[in-house]
């Protein structure tokens, strides 16, 4: 998830309009789909959890290729990515409630 956020942070530099584009010198930016970005994030969290689970099973079965430190690091990474997705969800719900409580 952090890698995706870093990639998204560097993306506006790649999408900057060229000075010669458009009549007014400003080219429209391509639209980014929030649903696709959210799905990609959730898929990466799920993949991290599955990878962590597989490493844990392999270590428990006595696989010599998997060390305890690898298992613990993988579990912590998946836990952190899950907690960050929970925080994003909480912020989205909070913003939704604020918008719904706005007076028109």
N, C-alpha and C. Protein backbone atom coordinates (compact mmCIF):
# COMPACT_ATOMS: atom_id res chain seq x y z
N UNK A 1 0.83 -1.18 0.00
CA UNK A 1 0.00 0.00 0.00
C UNK A 1 0.88 1.25 0.00
N UNK A 2 1.95 1.20 0.79
CA UNK A 2 2.84 2.36 0.84
C UNK A 2 3.50 2.58 -0.52
N UNK A 3 3.84 1.50 -1.20
CA UNK A 3 4.45 1.64 -2.52
C UNK A 3 3.47 2.27 -3.51
N UNK A 4 2.19 1.92 -3.38
CA UNK A 4 1.18 2.50 -4.26
C UNK A 4 0.99 3.98 -3.96
N UNK A 5 1.03 4.34 -2.68
CA UNK A 5 0.90 5.75 -2.32
C UNK A 5 2.09 6.56 -2.85
N UNK A 6 3.29 5.97 -2.75
CA UNK A 6 4.46 6.66 -3.28
C UNK A 6 4.38 6.80 -4.79
N UNK A 7 3.87 5.75 -5.45
CA UNK A 7 3.72 5.81 -6.90
C UNK A 7 2.68 6.86 -7.29
N UNK A 8 1.60 6.95 -6.50
CA UNK A 8 0.57 7.95 -6.78
C UNK A 8 1.11 9.35 -6.53
N UNK A 9 2.00 9.49 -5.55
CA UNK A 9 2.57 10.81 -5.26
C UNK A 9 3.48 11.27 -6.40
N UNK A 10 4.14 10.32 -7.03
CA UNK A 10 5.02 10.71 -8.14
C UNK A 10 4.26 10.78 -9.47
N UNK A 11 3.05 10.26 -9.53
CA UNK A 11 2.28 10.24 -10.76
C UNK A 11 1.94 11.62 -11.31
N UNK A 12 1.60 12.63 -10.49
CA UNK A 12 1.28 13.94 -11.07
C UNK A 12 2.42 14.54 -11.87
N UNK A 13 3.66 14.20 -11.52
CA UNK A 13 4.79 14.71 -12.29
C UNK A 13 4.79 14.12 -13.69
N UNK A 14 4.36 12.89 -13.80
CA UNK A 14 4.32 12.23 -15.10
C UNK A 14 3.13 12.71 -15.91
N UNK A 15 2.06 13.13 -15.24
CA UNK A 15 0.83 13.52 -15.92
C UNK A 15 0.74 15.02 -16.15
N UNK A 16 1.79 15.76 -15.88
CA UNK A 16 1.76 17.21 -16.04
C UNK A 16 1.55 17.56 -17.51
N UNK A 17 0.71 18.57 -17.77
CA UNK A 17 0.45 18.94 -19.16
C UNK A 17 1.68 19.55 -19.81
N UNK A 18 1.81 19.29 -21.10
CA UNK A 18 2.90 19.87 -21.86
C UNK A 18 2.52 21.29 -22.26
N UNK A 19 3.49 22.20 -22.31
CA UNK A 19 3.17 23.59 -22.62
C UNK A 19 2.56 23.80 -23.99
N UNK A 20 2.86 22.96 -24.96
CA UNK A 20 2.35 23.17 -26.31
C UNK A 20 1.00 22.51 -26.54
N UNK A 21 0.44 21.83 -25.57
CA UNK A 21 -0.80 21.08 -25.76
C UNK A 21 -2.01 21.98 -25.50
N UNK A 22 -3.05 21.82 -26.30
CA UNK A 22 -4.31 22.53 -26.09
C UNK A 22 -4.27 23.96 -26.59
N UNK A 23 -5.45 24.55 -26.76
CA UNK A 23 -5.54 25.91 -27.26
C UNK A 23 -5.08 26.90 -26.20
N UNK A 24 -5.39 26.65 -24.95
CA UNK A 24 -5.01 27.56 -23.88
C UNK A 24 -3.67 27.17 -23.26
N UNK A 25 -3.03 26.14 -23.82
CA UNK A 25 -1.75 25.70 -23.28
C UNK A 25 -1.89 24.71 -22.14
N UNK A 26 -3.12 24.27 -21.85
CA UNK A 26 -3.34 23.34 -20.76
C UNK A 26 -4.07 22.12 -21.30
N UNK A 27 -3.45 20.97 -21.17
CA UNK A 27 -4.09 19.73 -21.62
C UNK A 27 -4.86 19.11 -20.45
N UNK A 28 -6.02 18.54 -20.70
CA UNK A 28 -6.76 17.92 -19.61
C UNK A 28 -6.03 16.67 -19.10
N UNK A 29 -6.02 16.51 -17.79
CA UNK A 29 -5.39 15.35 -17.19
C UNK A 29 -6.31 14.15 -17.32
N UNK A 30 -5.75 12.97 -17.51
CA UNK A 30 -6.60 11.77 -17.55
C UNK A 30 -7.24 11.55 -16.19
N UNK A 31 -8.46 11.08 -16.19
CA UNK A 31 -9.18 10.88 -14.95
C UNK A 31 -8.68 9.62 -14.25
N UNK A 32 -8.48 9.73 -12.94
CA UNK A 32 -8.08 8.59 -12.13
C UNK A 32 -9.33 8.05 -11.46
N UNK A 33 -9.50 6.76 -11.50
CA UNK A 33 -10.68 6.13 -10.94
C UNK A 33 -10.41 5.72 -9.50
N UNK A 34 -11.15 6.31 -8.56
CA UNK A 34 -10.96 6.03 -7.15
C UNK A 34 -11.28 4.59 -6.82
N UNK A 35 -12.31 4.04 -7.44
CA UNK A 35 -12.71 2.65 -7.17
C UNK A 35 -11.60 1.68 -7.56
N UNK A 36 -10.94 1.95 -8.69
CA UNK A 36 -9.85 1.07 -9.11
C UNK A 36 -8.67 1.17 -8.16
N UNK A 37 -8.35 2.38 -7.71
CA UNK A 37 -7.25 2.56 -6.76
C UNK A 37 -7.55 1.87 -5.44
N UNK A 38 -8.80 1.98 -4.98
CA UNK A 38 -9.19 1.33 -3.73
C UNK A 38 -9.13 -0.18 -3.86
N UNK A 39 -9.62 -0.70 -4.97
CA UNK A 39 -9.60 -2.15 -5.19
C UNK A 39 -8.17 -2.66 -5.25
N UNK A 40 -7.29 -1.94 -5.92
CA UNK A 40 -5.89 -2.33 -6.00
C UNK A 40 -5.25 -2.36 -4.62
N UNK A 41 -5.56 -1.36 -3.80
CA UNK A 41 -5.03 -1.32 -2.43
C UNK A 41 -5.52 -2.51 -1.62
N UNK A 42 -6.81 -2.78 -1.70
CA UNK A 42 -7.36 -3.89 -0.93
C UNK A 42 -6.82 -5.23 -1.42
N UNK A 43 -6.61 -5.35 -2.72
CA UNK A 43 -6.02 -6.57 -3.25
C UNK A 43 -4.59 -6.78 -2.75
N UNK A 44 -3.84 -5.69 -2.65
CA UNK A 44 -2.47 -5.81 -2.15
C UNK A 44 -2.45 -6.17 -0.67
N UNK A 45 -3.41 -5.65 0.11
CA UNK A 45 -3.52 -6.03 1.52
C UNK A 45 -3.85 -7.51 1.63
N UNK A 46 -4.78 -7.96 0.82
CA UNK A 46 -5.15 -9.37 0.82
C UNK A 46 -3.98 -10.26 0.43
N UNK A 47 -3.24 -9.85 -0.58
CA UNK A 47 -2.08 -10.63 -1.02
C UNK A 47 -1.02 -10.71 0.08
N UNK A 48 -0.81 -9.60 0.78
CA UNK A 48 0.17 -9.60 1.87
C UNK A 48 -0.27 -10.54 2.99
N UNK A 49 -1.56 -10.56 3.29
CA UNK A 49 -2.06 -11.46 4.33
C UNK A 49 -1.92 -12.91 3.91
N UNK A 50 -2.23 -13.21 2.66
CA UNK A 50 -2.10 -14.59 2.18
C UNK A 50 -0.63 -15.04 2.17
N UNK A 51 0.26 -14.14 1.76
CA UNK A 51 1.68 -14.46 1.75
C UNK A 51 2.17 -14.73 3.17
N UNK A 52 1.74 -13.91 4.10
CA UNK A 52 2.12 -14.08 5.50
C UNK A 52 1.61 -15.42 6.04
N UNK A 53 0.39 -15.75 5.70
CA UNK A 53 -0.20 -17.01 6.15
C UNK A 53 0.57 -18.20 5.58
N UNK A 54 0.92 -18.12 4.29
CA UNK A 54 1.67 -19.21 3.66
C UNK A 54 3.05 -19.38 4.29
N UNK A 55 3.72 -18.27 4.57
CA UNK A 55 5.02 -18.36 5.23
C UNK A 55 4.89 -18.98 6.62
N UNK A 56 3.86 -18.59 7.34
CA UNK A 56 3.63 -19.16 8.67
C UNK A 56 3.39 -20.66 8.62
N UNK A 57 2.61 -21.09 7.64
CA UNK A 57 2.36 -22.53 7.49
C UNK A 57 3.63 -23.27 7.13
N UNK A 58 4.40 -22.68 6.21
CA UNK A 58 5.65 -23.33 5.80
C UNK A 58 6.62 -23.45 6.98
N UNK A 59 6.70 -22.42 7.80
CA UNK A 59 7.59 -22.46 8.96
C UNK A 59 7.11 -23.50 9.97
N UNK A 60 5.80 -23.57 10.17
CA UNK A 60 5.24 -24.53 11.12
C UNK A 60 5.46 -25.97 10.65
N UNK A 61 5.50 -26.18 9.33
CA UNK A 61 5.72 -27.52 8.78
C UNK A 61 7.20 -27.90 8.80
N UNK A 62 8.06 -26.96 9.16
CA UNK A 62 9.49 -27.27 9.29
C UNK A 62 10.29 -27.02 8.04
N UNK A 63 9.82 -26.16 7.15
CA UNK A 63 10.55 -25.83 5.94
C UNK A 63 11.83 -25.07 6.31
N UNK A 64 12.98 -25.57 5.84
CA UNK A 64 14.26 -24.95 6.16
C UNK A 64 14.50 -23.65 5.41
N UNK A 65 13.76 -23.42 4.34
CA UNK A 65 13.94 -22.22 3.52
C UNK A 65 13.31 -20.98 4.17
N UNK A 66 12.42 -21.20 5.15
CA UNK A 66 11.70 -20.09 5.78
C UNK A 66 12.22 -19.91 7.20
N UNK A 67 12.67 -18.69 7.50
CA UNK A 67 13.15 -18.41 8.85
C UNK A 67 12.06 -17.72 9.67
N UNK A 68 12.24 -17.76 10.96
CA UNK A 68 11.26 -17.13 11.85
C UNK A 68 11.21 -15.63 11.63
N UNK A 69 12.35 -15.02 11.36
CA UNK A 69 12.37 -13.58 11.14
C UNK A 69 11.58 -13.21 9.88
N UNK A 70 11.68 -14.03 8.83
CA UNK A 70 10.90 -13.77 7.61
C UNK A 70 9.41 -13.83 7.90
N UNK A 71 9.01 -14.82 8.69
CA UNK A 71 7.59 -14.97 9.04
C UNK A 71 7.11 -13.78 9.85
N UNK A 72 7.89 -13.37 10.83
CA UNK A 72 7.48 -12.24 11.68
C UNK A 72 7.43 -10.93 10.91
N UNK A 73 8.40 -10.72 10.04
CA UNK A 73 8.40 -9.49 9.24
C UNK A 73 7.20 -9.47 8.30
N UNK A 74 6.91 -10.60 7.69
CA UNK A 74 5.76 -10.69 6.79
C UNK A 74 4.46 -10.45 7.54
N UNK A 75 4.35 -10.99 8.75
CA UNK A 75 3.14 -10.79 9.55
C UNK A 75 2.99 -9.32 9.95
N UNK A 76 4.08 -8.67 10.30
CA UNK A 76 4.02 -7.27 10.66
C UNK A 76 3.66 -6.39 9.47
N UNK A 77 4.21 -6.71 8.30
CA UNK A 77 3.87 -5.95 7.10
C UNK A 77 2.39 -6.07 6.77
N UNK A 78 1.87 -7.29 6.86
CA UNK A 78 0.45 -7.47 6.56
C UNK A 78 -0.42 -6.79 7.60
N UNK A 79 0.01 -6.82 8.85
CA UNK A 79 -0.75 -6.15 9.91
C UNK A 79 -0.77 -4.64 9.71
N UNK A 80 0.37 -4.08 9.36
CA UNK A 80 0.45 -2.63 9.14
C UNK A 80 -0.39 -2.21 7.94
N UNK A 81 -0.33 -2.99 6.86
CA UNK A 81 -1.12 -2.63 5.69
C UNK A 81 -2.61 -2.75 5.98
N UNK A 82 -2.99 -3.75 6.79
CA UNK A 82 -4.40 -3.89 7.16
C UNK A 82 -4.85 -2.73 8.04
N UNK A 83 -4.04 -2.35 9.02
CA UNK A 83 -4.38 -1.24 9.90
C UNK A 83 -4.47 0.08 9.12
N UNK A 84 -3.60 0.26 8.14
CA UNK A 84 -3.68 1.50 7.35
C UNK A 84 -4.94 1.52 6.50
N UNK A 85 -5.36 0.36 5.99
CA UNK A 85 -6.61 0.33 5.22
C UNK A 85 -7.81 0.59 6.13
N UNK A 86 -7.74 0.13 7.37
CA UNK A 86 -8.80 0.42 8.35
C UNK A 86 -8.87 1.93 8.61
N UNK A 87 -7.72 2.57 8.73
CA UNK A 87 -7.70 4.02 8.96
C UNK A 87 -8.25 4.78 7.77
N UNK A 88 -7.94 4.33 6.57
CA UNK A 88 -8.49 4.98 5.37
C UNK A 88 -10.00 4.83 5.36
N UNK A 89 -10.49 3.63 5.69
CA UNK A 89 -11.93 3.40 5.75
C UNK A 89 -12.59 4.33 6.77
N UNK A 90 -11.97 4.46 7.94
CA UNK A 90 -12.53 5.33 8.98
C UNK A 90 -12.59 6.78 8.52
N UNK A 91 -11.55 7.23 7.82
CA UNK A 91 -11.55 8.60 7.31
C UNK A 91 -12.64 8.79 6.25
N UNK A 92 -12.82 7.79 5.40
CA UNK A 92 -13.87 7.89 4.38
C UNK A 92 -15.26 7.95 5.00
N UNK A 93 -15.48 7.13 6.01
CA UNK A 93 -16.79 7.12 6.69
C UNK A 93 -17.00 8.45 7.39
N UNK A 94 -15.97 8.97 8.02
CA UNK A 94 -16.08 10.26 8.70
C UNK A 94 -16.39 11.38 7.70
N UNK A 95 -15.72 11.38 6.56
CA UNK A 95 -15.98 12.39 5.55
C UNK A 95 -17.40 12.26 5.00
N UNK A 96 -17.86 11.03 4.82
CA UNK A 96 -19.22 10.80 4.34
C UNK A 96 -20.24 11.37 5.33
N UNK A 97 -20.02 11.12 6.62
CA UNK A 97 -20.95 11.64 7.63
C UNK A 97 -20.93 13.17 7.67
N UNK A 98 -19.76 13.76 7.50
CA UNK A 98 -19.68 15.22 7.48
C UNK A 98 -20.46 15.79 6.29
N UNK A 99 -20.33 15.16 5.14
CA UNK A 99 -21.03 15.63 3.96
C UNK A 99 -22.53 15.46 4.13
N UNK A 100 -22.93 14.35 4.70
CA UNK A 100 -24.37 14.09 4.90
C UNK A 100 -24.99 15.05 5.92
N UNK A 101 -24.19 15.51 6.87
CA UNK A 101 -24.71 16.41 7.90
C UNK A 101 -24.62 17.89 7.49
N UNK A 102 -24.11 18.18 6.32
CA UNK A 102 -24.03 19.56 5.85
C UNK A 102 -25.43 20.09 5.58
N UNK A 103 -25.62 21.34 5.92
CA UNK A 103 -26.91 21.96 5.61
C UNK A 103 -26.86 22.54 4.21
N UNK A 104 -27.95 22.38 3.49
CA UNK A 104 -28.00 22.85 2.11
C UNK A 104 -28.60 24.22 2.04
